[in-house]
Amino acid sequence: MIAQPRAVSDAPHWRDEVVALIPALRAFAWSLCHNGSDADDLVQDTLIKAWTNREKFEVGTNLRAWLFTILRNTYYTAVLRRRREVRDETGEYASALKSPPTQDWSVALHSLQVALRKLPDEHREALVLVGAAGLSYEEAAEICGCALGTIKSRVNRARARLLKIMDADDATDVMALETIAVAGRA
């Protein structure tokens, strides 16, 4: 009769063999961490991983080497994770992280979109082609199929009407007005 390889979960002595290796695992963990508490945590993580993956261990291979490999990989994974983290127990680093407010610009952009929709189609088209798309007056006139003077006139009227709709004296006032409007709503 040929003996079939035993699964790890069927091996009665597997647990005892692992327990017997705990002092060696602690010594190896301490050599990596240089701290008893961290070494204990590392051994515990190793044992949890070994127990969870015990079916992956091949009976007859070197259990010590398998456990030490798990411990070593767990340690280096933790080291890499700590490199990406910032120690900030007091919250000082987190409080220094700031980004400029962006909502003012989104409110102004929304107001501009609403105002653009109020313009006549030919004025909006001319303004978008010249102002937003950056086309020359000649290119915009060719696209719209009208004279150069007509495009210039449409763009000028569109700008003036847009400022009136947005209740501004010039283009730089638009953002200031939106900021004041947002502050007034708060």
N, C-alpha and C. Protein backbone atom coordinates (compact mmCIF):
# COMPACT_ATOMS: atom_id res chain seq x y z
N MET A 1 0.83 -1.16 0.00
CA MET A 1 0.00 0.00 0.00
C MET A 1 0.89 1.24 0.00
N ILE A 2 0.57 2.15 -0.89
CA ILE A 2 1.35 3.39 -1.03
C ILE A 2 0.74 4.44 -0.12
N ALA A 3 1.59 5.06 0.68
CA ALA A 3 1.12 6.09 1.62
C ALA A 3 0.84 7.38 0.86
N GLN A 4 -0.34 7.91 1.03
CA GLN A 4 -0.72 9.18 0.41
C GLN A 4 -0.15 10.33 1.26
N PRO A 5 0.28 11.42 0.61
CA PRO A 5 0.76 12.56 1.40
C PRO A 5 -0.39 13.12 2.24
N ARG A 6 -0.08 13.41 3.49
CA ARG A 6 -1.09 13.94 4.39
C ARG A 6 -1.26 15.43 4.18
N ALA A 7 -2.49 15.87 4.27
CA ALA A 7 -2.74 17.31 4.25
C ALA A 7 -2.33 17.86 5.60
N VAL A 8 -1.97 19.12 5.63
CA VAL A 8 -1.49 19.73 6.85
C VAL A 8 -2.56 19.68 7.93
N SER A 9 -3.81 19.91 7.55
CA SER A 9 -4.86 19.91 8.55
C SER A 9 -5.05 18.52 9.16
N ASP A 10 -4.60 17.47 8.45
CA ASP A 10 -4.69 16.12 8.99
C ASP A 10 -3.48 15.78 9.84
N ALA A 11 -2.42 16.53 9.75
CA ALA A 11 -1.20 16.22 10.50
C ALA A 11 -1.39 16.61 11.96
N PRO A 12 -1.40 15.61 12.87
CA PRO A 12 -1.65 15.94 14.28
C PRO A 12 -0.52 16.71 14.93
N HIS A 13 0.66 16.61 14.39
CA HIS A 13 1.80 17.25 15.04
C HIS A 13 2.16 18.61 14.43
N TRP A 14 1.44 19.03 13.39
CA TRP A 14 1.77 20.29 12.72
C TRP A 14 1.69 21.46 13.70
N ARG A 15 0.62 21.53 14.46
CA ARG A 15 0.45 22.60 15.43
C ARG A 15 1.57 22.58 16.45
N ASP A 16 1.92 21.41 16.93
CA ASP A 16 2.99 21.29 17.92
C ASP A 16 4.33 21.73 17.34
N GLU A 17 4.57 21.41 16.08
CA GLU A 17 5.82 21.81 15.43
C GLU A 17 5.89 23.34 15.30
N VAL A 18 4.75 23.94 14.97
CA VAL A 18 4.71 25.41 14.85
C VAL A 18 4.95 26.04 16.22
N VAL A 19 4.28 25.55 17.23
CA VAL A 19 4.45 26.08 18.59
C VAL A 19 5.90 25.95 19.04
N ALA A 20 6.54 24.85 18.70
CA ALA A 20 7.94 24.63 19.08
C ALA A 20 8.88 25.63 18.42
N LEU A 21 8.46 26.19 17.28
CA LEU A 21 9.30 27.14 16.55
C LEU A 21 9.09 28.60 16.99
N ILE A 22 8.15 28.84 17.88
CA ILE A 22 7.85 30.22 18.31
C ILE A 22 9.09 30.92 18.91
N PRO A 23 9.88 30.28 19.77
CA PRO A 23 11.07 30.98 20.28
C PRO A 23 12.05 31.39 19.17
N ALA A 24 12.22 30.52 18.18
CA ALA A 24 13.11 30.87 17.06
C ALA A 24 12.51 32.01 16.24
N LEU A 25 11.19 31.99 16.06
CA LEU A 25 10.52 33.08 15.33
C LEU A 25 10.66 34.40 16.09
N ARG A 26 10.53 34.34 17.43
CA ARG A 26 10.68 35.55 18.24
C ARG A 26 12.09 36.12 18.12
N ALA A 27 13.08 35.23 18.15
CA ALA A 27 14.48 35.68 18.05
C ALA A 27 14.72 36.35 16.69
N PHE A 28 14.20 35.72 15.64
CA PHE A 28 14.38 36.29 14.30
C PHE A 28 13.63 37.62 14.19
N ALA A 29 12.42 37.68 14.73
CA ALA A 29 11.64 38.91 14.68
C ALA A 29 12.34 40.02 15.46
N TRP A 30 12.92 39.68 16.62
CA TRP A 30 13.62 40.69 17.39
C TRP A 30 14.84 41.21 16.63
N SER A 31 15.52 40.32 15.91
CA SER A 31 16.70 40.75 15.14
C SER A 31 16.30 41.72 14.03
N LEU A 32 15.06 41.64 13.57
CA LEU A 32 14.60 42.57 12.54
C LEU A 32 14.08 43.88 13.16
N CYS A 33 13.29 43.76 14.24
CA CYS A 33 12.61 44.92 14.82
C CYS A 33 13.42 45.66 15.87
N HIS A 34 14.23 44.93 16.64
CA HIS A 34 14.97 45.49 17.78
C HIS A 34 14.03 46.06 18.83
N ASN A 35 12.86 45.46 18.95
CA ASN A 35 11.86 45.91 19.91
C ASN A 35 11.00 44.70 20.26
N GLY A 36 10.91 44.38 21.54
CA GLY A 36 10.20 43.18 21.97
C GLY A 36 8.72 43.20 21.62
N SER A 37 8.08 44.33 21.81
CA SER A 37 6.65 44.44 21.51
C SER A 37 6.38 44.27 20.01
N ASP A 38 7.18 44.95 19.20
CA ASP A 38 7.03 44.82 17.75
C ASP A 38 7.33 43.40 17.29
N ALA A 39 8.34 42.78 17.92
CA ALA A 39 8.69 41.40 17.56
C ALA A 39 7.53 40.46 17.88
N ASP A 40 6.91 40.64 19.05
CA ASP A 40 5.75 39.82 19.40
C ASP A 40 4.61 40.00 18.41
N ASP A 41 4.35 41.24 18.02
CA ASP A 41 3.30 41.51 17.03
C ASP A 41 3.62 40.83 15.70
N LEU A 42 4.88 40.89 15.31
CA LEU A 42 5.31 40.28 14.05
C LEU A 42 5.15 38.76 14.09
N VAL A 43 5.52 38.14 15.21
CA VAL A 43 5.35 36.70 15.35
C VAL A 43 3.87 36.35 15.32
N GLN A 44 3.06 37.13 16.00
CA GLN A 44 1.61 36.87 16.00
C GLN A 44 1.04 36.97 14.59
N ASP A 45 1.42 38.00 13.84
CA ASP A 45 0.95 38.12 12.45
C ASP A 45 1.40 36.93 11.62
N THR A 46 2.64 36.49 11.85
CA THR A 46 3.17 35.34 11.13
C THR A 46 2.37 34.08 11.43
N LEU A 47 2.07 33.87 12.69
CA LEU A 47 1.31 32.68 13.09
C LEU A 47 -0.11 32.71 12.52
N ILE A 48 -0.70 33.87 12.51
CA ILE A 48 -2.05 34.00 11.93
C ILE A 48 -2.01 33.67 10.44
N LYS A 49 -1.04 34.21 9.73
CA LYS A 49 -0.92 33.93 8.30
C LYS A 49 -0.62 32.46 8.05
N ALA A 50 0.24 31.88 8.86
CA ALA A 50 0.58 30.46 8.69
C ALA A 50 -0.66 29.60 8.93
N TRP A 51 -1.40 29.90 9.98
CA TRP A 51 -2.60 29.11 10.28
C TRP A 51 -3.65 29.27 9.18
N THR A 52 -3.83 30.48 8.70
CA THR A 52 -4.81 30.74 7.64
C THR A 52 -4.44 30.03 6.35
N ASN A 53 -3.15 29.93 6.08
CA ASN A 53 -2.68 29.33 4.82
C ASN A 53 -2.06 27.95 5.03
N ARG A 54 -2.42 27.26 6.08
CA ARG A 54 -1.79 25.98 6.39
C ARG A 54 -1.97 24.94 5.29
N GLU A 55 -3.04 25.06 4.49
CA GLU A 55 -3.23 24.11 3.39
C GLU A 55 -2.17 24.28 2.31
N LYS A 56 -1.55 25.44 2.26
CA LYS A 56 -0.53 25.70 1.24
C LYS A 56 0.83 25.10 1.61
N PHE A 57 0.99 24.75 2.89
CA PHE A 57 2.25 24.14 3.31
C PHE A 57 2.28 22.68 2.86
N GLU A 58 3.38 22.31 2.23
CA GLU A 58 3.53 20.93 1.76
C GLU A 58 4.22 20.11 2.84
N VAL A 59 3.52 19.07 3.30
CA VAL A 59 4.08 18.19 4.33
C VAL A 59 5.36 17.57 3.78
N GLY A 60 6.37 17.54 4.61
CA GLY A 60 7.66 16.99 4.20
C GLY A 60 8.66 18.06 3.81
N THR A 61 8.17 19.30 3.65
CA THR A 61 9.11 20.39 3.36
C THR A 61 9.49 21.05 4.68
N ASN A 62 10.35 22.01 4.61
CA ASN A 62 10.92 22.64 5.80
C ASN A 62 9.95 23.67 6.39
N LEU A 63 9.28 23.30 7.48
CA LEU A 63 8.32 24.18 8.15
C LEU A 63 9.00 25.43 8.68
N ARG A 64 10.19 25.27 9.24
CA ARG A 64 10.92 26.41 9.78
C ARG A 64 11.18 27.46 8.70
N ALA A 65 11.66 27.01 7.56
CA ALA A 65 11.95 27.93 6.45
C ALA A 65 10.66 28.62 5.98
N TRP A 66 9.55 27.86 5.93
CA TRP A 66 8.27 28.42 5.50
C TRP A 66 7.82 29.52 6.45
N LEU A 67 7.91 29.26 7.75
CA LEU A 67 7.49 30.25 8.75
C LEU A 67 8.41 31.47 8.75
N PHE A 68 9.70 31.24 8.62
CA PHE A 68 10.64 32.36 8.59
C PHE A 68 10.41 33.23 7.35
N THR A 69 10.05 32.61 6.24
CA THR A 69 9.76 33.36 5.02
C THR A 69 8.51 34.23 5.21
N ILE A 70 7.49 33.66 5.83
CA ILE A 70 6.27 34.43 6.11
C ILE A 70 6.62 35.61 7.02
N LEU A 71 7.40 35.37 8.06
CA LEU A 71 7.77 36.42 9.00
C LEU A 71 8.55 37.53 8.30
N ARG A 72 9.54 37.13 7.52
CA ARG A 72 10.38 38.10 6.80
C ARG A 72 9.54 38.94 5.84
N ASN A 73 8.67 38.30 5.06
CA ASN A 73 7.83 39.03 4.11
C ASN A 73 6.85 39.96 4.83
N THR A 74 6.32 39.52 5.94
CA THR A 74 5.41 40.35 6.74
C THR A 74 6.15 41.58 7.25
N TYR A 75 7.37 41.38 7.71
CA TYR A 75 8.17 42.50 8.22
C TYR A 75 8.43 43.53 7.11
N TYR A 76 8.89 43.07 5.95
CA TYR A 76 9.23 44.01 4.88
C TYR A 76 7.99 44.69 4.30
N THR A 77 6.87 44.03 4.31
CA THR A 77 5.62 44.67 3.89
C THR A 77 5.27 45.79 4.85
N ALA A 78 5.43 45.55 6.15
CA ALA A 78 5.15 46.58 7.15
C ALA A 78 6.12 47.76 7.02
N VAL A 79 7.39 47.46 6.73
CA VAL A 79 8.38 48.53 6.56
C VAL A 79 8.00 49.42 5.38
N LEU A 80 7.61 48.81 4.28
CA LEU A 80 7.22 49.59 3.11
C LEU A 80 5.97 50.42 3.40
N ARG A 81 5.04 49.86 4.14
CA ARG A 81 3.82 50.60 4.48
C ARG A 81 4.17 51.79 5.36
N ARG A 82 5.07 51.61 6.33
CA ARG A 82 5.45 52.71 7.23
C ARG A 82 6.17 53.82 6.49
N ARG A 83 6.89 53.49 5.44
CA ARG A 83 7.58 54.54 4.68
C ARG A 83 6.60 55.50 4.03
N ARG A 84 5.41 54.99 3.69
CA ARG A 84 4.41 55.83 3.05
C ARG A 84 3.59 56.61 4.07
N GLU A 85 3.68 56.23 5.33
CA GLU A 85 2.90 56.89 6.37
C GLU A 85 3.72 57.98 7.05
N VAL A 86 3.01 58.94 7.61
CA VAL A 86 3.64 60.03 8.33
C VAL A 86 3.19 59.95 9.77
N ARG A 87 4.14 59.93 10.69
CA ARG A 87 3.78 59.93 12.12
C ARG A 87 3.29 61.32 12.47
N ASP A 88 2.10 61.37 13.02
CA ASP A 88 1.49 62.66 13.31
C ASP A 88 0.53 62.51 14.49
N GLU A 89 1.08 62.13 15.64
CA GLU A 89 0.24 61.91 16.82
C GLU A 89 -0.47 63.17 17.26
N THR A 90 0.17 64.31 17.12
CA THR A 90 -0.41 65.57 17.59
C THR A 90 -1.33 66.21 16.56
N GLY A 91 -1.30 65.73 15.32
CA GLY A 91 -2.14 66.31 14.28
C GLY A 91 -1.54 67.55 13.64
N GLU A 92 -0.30 67.85 13.99
CA GLU A 92 0.36 69.06 13.49
C GLU A 92 0.55 69.00 11.98
N TYR A 93 1.00 67.84 11.49
CA TYR A 93 1.22 67.70 10.04
C TYR A 93 -0.10 67.80 9.29
N ALA A 94 -1.12 67.13 9.79
CA ALA A 94 -2.42 67.15 9.13
C ALA A 94 -3.01 68.55 9.09
N SER A 95 -2.81 69.32 10.15
CA SER A 95 -3.37 70.68 10.17
C SER A 95 -2.63 71.61 9.21
N ALA A 96 -1.41 71.26 8.85
CA ALA A 96 -0.65 72.10 7.92
C ALA A 96 -1.04 71.83 6.47
N LEU A 97 -1.72 70.71 6.23
CA LEU A 97 -2.13 70.38 4.86
C LEU A 97 -3.36 71.19 4.50
N LYS A 98 -3.23 72.04 3.53
CA LYS A 98 -4.34 72.90 3.12
C LYS A 98 -4.35 72.99 1.61
N SER A 99 -5.53 73.16 1.07
CA SER A 99 -5.65 73.41 -0.36
C SER A 99 -6.51 74.66 -0.52
N PRO A 100 -6.23 75.42 -1.54
CA PRO A 100 -7.00 76.65 -1.72
C PRO A 100 -8.46 76.30 -2.06
N PRO A 101 -9.38 77.14 -1.67
CA PRO A 101 -10.78 76.85 -1.96
C PRO A 101 -11.03 76.89 -3.46
N THR A 102 -11.79 75.94 -3.93
CA THR A 102 -12.09 75.87 -5.37
C THR A 102 -13.54 76.20 -5.66
N GLN A 103 -14.37 76.28 -4.63
CA GLN A 103 -15.78 76.50 -4.86
C GLN A 103 -16.08 77.86 -5.46
N ASP A 104 -15.25 78.88 -5.18
CA ASP A 104 -15.49 80.19 -5.77
C ASP A 104 -15.46 80.11 -7.29
N TRP A 105 -14.47 79.40 -7.80
CA TRP A 105 -14.35 79.27 -9.24
C TRP A 105 -15.50 78.45 -9.82
N SER A 106 -15.93 77.42 -9.12
CA SER A 106 -17.03 76.62 -9.66
C SER A 106 -18.33 77.42 -9.65
N VAL A 107 -18.54 78.26 -8.64
CA VAL A 107 -19.73 79.11 -8.60
C VAL A 107 -19.67 80.12 -9.75
N ALA A 108 -18.50 80.73 -9.94
CA ALA A 108 -18.35 81.70 -11.02
C ALA A 108 -18.54 81.04 -12.39
N LEU A 109 -18.01 79.83 -12.54
CA LEU A 109 -18.16 79.12 -13.81
C LEU A 109 -19.63 78.79 -14.06
N HIS A 110 -20.33 78.36 -13.03
CA HIS A 110 -21.75 78.06 -13.18
C HIS A 110 -22.53 79.32 -13.58
N SER A 111 -22.24 80.43 -12.93
CA SER A 111 -22.90 81.70 -13.27
C SER A 111 -22.61 82.10 -14.70
N LEU A 112 -21.37 81.88 -15.14
CA LEU A 112 -21.01 82.20 -16.52
C LEU A 112 -21.78 81.33 -17.50
N GLN A 113 -21.91 80.05 -17.18
CA GLN A 113 -22.66 79.15 -18.06
C GLN A 113 -24.12 79.58 -18.16
N VAL A 114 -24.72 79.96 -17.03
CA VAL A 114 -26.10 80.42 -17.03
C VAL A 114 -26.22 81.69 -17.87
N ALA A 115 -25.29 82.61 -17.69
CA ALA A 115 -25.31 83.86 -18.45
C ALA A 115 -25.11 83.61 -19.94
N LEU A 116 -24.22 82.69 -20.29
CA LEU A 116 -24.00 82.38 -21.71
C LEU A 116 -25.27 81.84 -22.36
N ARG A 117 -26.05 81.06 -21.62
CA ARG A 117 -27.29 80.51 -22.17
C ARG A 117 -28.33 81.60 -22.44
N LYS A 118 -28.18 82.73 -21.78
CA LYS A 118 -29.12 83.84 -21.98
C LYS A 118 -28.78 84.67 -23.22
N LEU A 119 -27.60 84.49 -23.79
CA LEU A 119 -27.21 85.24 -24.98
C LEU A 119 -27.90 84.66 -26.21
N PRO A 120 -28.13 85.50 -27.22
CA PRO A 120 -28.64 84.97 -28.49
C PRO A 120 -27.63 83.97 -29.08
N ASP A 121 -28.12 83.00 -29.81
CA ASP A 121 -27.26 81.94 -30.33
C ASP A 121 -26.06 82.45 -31.12
N GLU A 122 -26.30 83.44 -32.01
CA GLU A 122 -25.19 83.93 -32.85
C GLU A 122 -24.14 84.67 -32.02
N HIS A 123 -24.56 85.36 -30.96
CA HIS A 123 -23.60 86.05 -30.08
C HIS A 123 -22.81 85.03 -29.26
N ARG A 124 -23.52 84.05 -28.69
CA ARG A 124 -22.84 83.01 -27.90
C ARG A 124 -21.84 82.25 -28.77
N GLU A 125 -22.24 81.89 -29.99
CA GLU A 125 -21.36 81.15 -30.90
C GLU A 125 -20.10 81.95 -31.20
N ALA A 126 -20.25 83.23 -31.52
CA ALA A 126 -19.11 84.08 -31.84
C ALA A 126 -18.18 84.23 -30.64
N LEU A 127 -18.78 84.46 -29.46
CA LEU A 127 -17.96 84.64 -28.25
C LEU A 127 -17.20 83.37 -27.90
N VAL A 128 -17.84 82.24 -28.02
CA VAL A 128 -17.18 80.96 -27.69
C VAL A 128 -16.07 80.67 -28.69
N LEU A 129 -16.29 80.91 -29.97
CA LEU A 129 -15.26 80.65 -30.98
C LEU A 129 -14.03 81.52 -30.76
N VAL A 130 -14.25 82.81 -30.49
CA VAL A 130 -13.12 83.72 -30.33
C VAL A 130 -12.56 83.70 -28.91
N GLY A 131 -13.44 83.76 -27.91
CA GLY A 131 -12.99 83.86 -26.53
C GLY A 131 -12.54 82.54 -25.93
N ALA A 132 -13.32 81.49 -26.11
CA ALA A 132 -13.01 80.22 -25.46
C ALA A 132 -12.14 79.31 -26.33
N ALA A 133 -12.48 79.22 -27.62
CA ALA A 133 -11.72 78.33 -28.50
C ALA A 133 -10.43 78.97 -28.99
N GLY A 134 -10.32 80.29 -28.85
CA GLY A 134 -9.08 80.98 -29.22
C GLY A 134 -8.88 81.15 -30.71
N LEU A 135 -9.96 81.09 -31.47
CA LEU A 135 -9.84 81.27 -32.92
C LEU A 135 -9.70 82.76 -33.24
N SER A 136 -9.12 83.05 -34.37
CA SER A 136 -9.02 84.45 -34.81
C SER A 136 -10.39 84.89 -35.31
N TYR A 137 -10.58 86.19 -35.42
CA TYR A 137 -11.84 86.71 -35.94
C TYR A 137 -12.09 86.18 -37.35
N GLU A 138 -11.03 86.09 -38.14
CA GLU A 138 -11.15 85.61 -39.52
C GLU A 138 -11.64 84.16 -39.55
N GLU A 139 -11.05 83.31 -38.68
CA GLU A 139 -11.45 81.90 -38.63
C GLU A 139 -12.90 81.78 -38.15
N ALA A 140 -13.27 82.57 -37.15
CA ALA A 140 -14.65 82.53 -36.65
C ALA A 140 -15.63 83.00 -37.71
N ALA A 141 -15.27 84.05 -38.47
CA ALA A 141 -16.14 84.55 -39.54
C ALA A 141 -16.32 83.48 -40.61
N GLU A 142 -15.26 82.77 -40.93
CA GLU A 142 -15.35 81.71 -41.94
C GLU A 142 -16.25 80.56 -41.45
N ILE A 143 -16.10 80.18 -40.20
CA ILE A 143 -16.91 79.10 -39.63
C ILE A 143 -18.39 79.50 -39.60
N CYS A 144 -18.66 80.74 -39.20
CA CYS A 144 -20.05 81.21 -39.08
C CYS A 144 -20.65 81.61 -40.43
N GLY A 145 -19.80 81.74 -41.44
CA GLY A 145 -20.29 82.12 -42.77
C GLY A 145 -20.78 83.55 -42.83
N CYS A 146 -20.04 84.46 -42.20
CA CYS A 146 -20.42 85.87 -42.22
C CYS A 146 -19.18 86.74 -42.40
N ALA A 147 -19.39 88.01 -42.54
CA ALA A 147 -18.29 88.95 -42.75
C ALA A 147 -17.47 89.13 -41.47
N LEU A 148 -16.22 89.55 -41.64
CA LEU A 148 -15.32 89.77 -40.51
C LEU A 148 -15.89 90.81 -39.55
N GLY A 149 -16.43 91.90 -40.08
CA GLY A 149 -17.01 92.96 -39.25
C GLY A 149 -18.20 92.45 -38.44
N THR A 150 -18.95 91.53 -39.01
CA THR A 150 -20.13 90.99 -38.33
C THR A 150 -19.68 90.18 -37.10
N ILE A 151 -18.64 89.38 -37.29
CA ILE A 151 -18.13 88.56 -36.16
C ILE A 151 -17.60 89.47 -35.08
N LYS A 152 -16.84 90.50 -35.45
CA LYS A 152 -16.31 91.43 -34.45
C LYS A 152 -17.44 92.10 -33.69
N SER A 153 -18.47 92.49 -34.39
CA SER A 153 -19.62 93.13 -33.77
C SER A 153 -20.34 92.16 -32.83
N ARG A 154 -20.52 90.91 -33.26
CA ARG A 154 -21.20 89.92 -32.41
C ARG A 154 -20.41 89.64 -31.14
N VAL A 155 -19.11 89.53 -31.27
CA VAL A 155 -18.26 89.27 -30.09
C VAL A 155 -18.34 90.45 -29.13
N ASN A 156 -18.26 91.68 -29.66
CA ASN A 156 -18.33 92.87 -28.83
C ASN A 156 -19.67 92.96 -28.11
N ARG A 157 -20.77 92.75 -28.83
CA ARG A 157 -22.10 92.80 -28.22
C ARG A 157 -22.27 91.67 -27.20
N ALA A 158 -21.75 90.50 -27.50
CA ALA A 158 -21.86 89.37 -26.58
C ALA A 158 -21.13 89.65 -25.28
N ARG A 159 -19.93 90.22 -25.38
CA ARG A 159 -19.18 90.56 -24.17
C ARG A 159 -19.93 91.59 -23.32
N ALA A 160 -20.42 92.63 -23.97
CA ALA A 160 -21.15 93.68 -23.25
C ALA A 160 -22.41 93.12 -22.60
N ARG A 161 -23.14 92.31 -23.34
CA ARG A 161 -24.38 91.75 -22.80
C ARG A 161 -24.09 90.77 -21.66
N LEU A 162 -23.03 90.00 -21.80
CA LEU A 162 -22.64 89.04 -20.76
C LEU A 162 -22.30 89.78 -19.46
N LEU A 163 -21.56 90.87 -19.56
CA LEU A 163 -21.23 91.66 -18.36
C LEU A 163 -22.49 92.24 -17.74
N LYS A 164 -23.43 92.68 -18.58
CA LYS A 164 -24.67 93.24 -18.06
C LYS A 164 -25.49 92.16 -17.35
N ILE A 165 -25.57 90.97 -17.95
CA ILE A 165 -26.31 89.86 -17.34
C ILE A 165 -25.70 89.49 -16.00
N MET A 166 -24.37 89.53 -15.94
CA MET A 166 -23.67 89.14 -14.71
C MET A 166 -23.50 90.33 -13.76
N ASP A 167 -24.05 91.50 -14.14
CA ASP A 167 -24.01 92.70 -13.31
C ASP A 167 -22.58 93.09 -12.93
N ALA A 168 -21.73 93.17 -13.95
CA ALA A 168 -20.32 93.53 -13.73
C ALA A 168 -19.93 94.67 -14.65
N ASP A 169 -18.93 95.44 -14.20
CA ASP A 169 -18.44 96.55 -15.02
C ASP A 169 -17.43 96.07 -16.06
N ASP A 170 -16.56 95.13 -15.65
CA ASP A 170 -15.63 94.51 -16.60
C ASP A 170 -15.39 93.06 -16.18
N ALA A 171 -14.65 92.33 -16.99
CA ALA A 171 -14.49 90.88 -16.79
C ALA A 171 -13.86 90.53 -15.44
N THR A 172 -13.00 91.38 -14.91
CA THR A 172 -12.35 91.07 -13.63
C THR A 172 -13.33 91.16 -12.47
N ASP A 173 -14.45 91.90 -12.66
CA ASP A 173 -15.45 92.02 -11.61
C ASP A 173 -16.28 90.75 -11.43
N VAL A 174 -16.35 89.92 -12.43
CA VAL A 174 -17.22 88.74 -12.39
C VAL A 174 -16.86 87.85 -11.21
N MET A 175 -15.59 87.56 -11.04
CA MET A 175 -15.17 86.68 -9.94
C MET A 175 -15.42 87.34 -8.60
N ALA A 176 -15.15 88.62 -8.49
CA ALA A 176 -15.38 89.33 -7.23
C ALA A 176 -16.86 89.35 -6.87
N LEU A 177 -17.72 89.54 -7.85
CA LEU A 177 -19.16 89.55 -7.60
C LEU A 177 -19.64 88.18 -7.13
N GLU A 178 -19.12 87.14 -7.73
CA GLU A 178 -19.53 85.78 -7.35
C GLU A 178 -19.07 85.47 -5.93
N THR A 179 -17.88 85.92 -5.56
CA THR A 179 -17.37 85.69 -4.21
C THR A 179 -18.24 86.40 -3.19
N ILE A 180 -18.65 87.64 -3.50
CA ILE A 180 -19.51 88.40 -2.61
C ILE A 180 -20.88 87.73 -2.50
N ALA A 181 -21.40 87.25 -3.63
CA ALA A 181 -22.70 86.59 -3.63
C ALA A 181 -22.67 85.32 -2.80
N VAL A 182 -21.60 84.55 -2.90
CA VAL A 182 -21.47 83.31 -2.11
C VAL A 182 -21.36 83.66 -0.63
N ALA A 183 -20.59 84.69 -0.29
CA ALA A 183 -20.44 85.09 1.13
C ALA A 183 -21.76 85.58 1.67
N GLY A 184 -22.55 86.25 0.85
CA GLY A 184 -23.86 86.75 1.31
C GLY A 184 -24.85 85.64 1.57
N ARG A 185 -24.73 84.51 0.83
CA ARG A 185 -25.63 83.38 1.01
C ARG A 185 -25.27 82.56 2.24
N ALA A 186 -24.01 82.67 2.69
CA ALA A 186 -23.56 81.81 3.81
C ALA A 186 -24.07 82.28 5.14
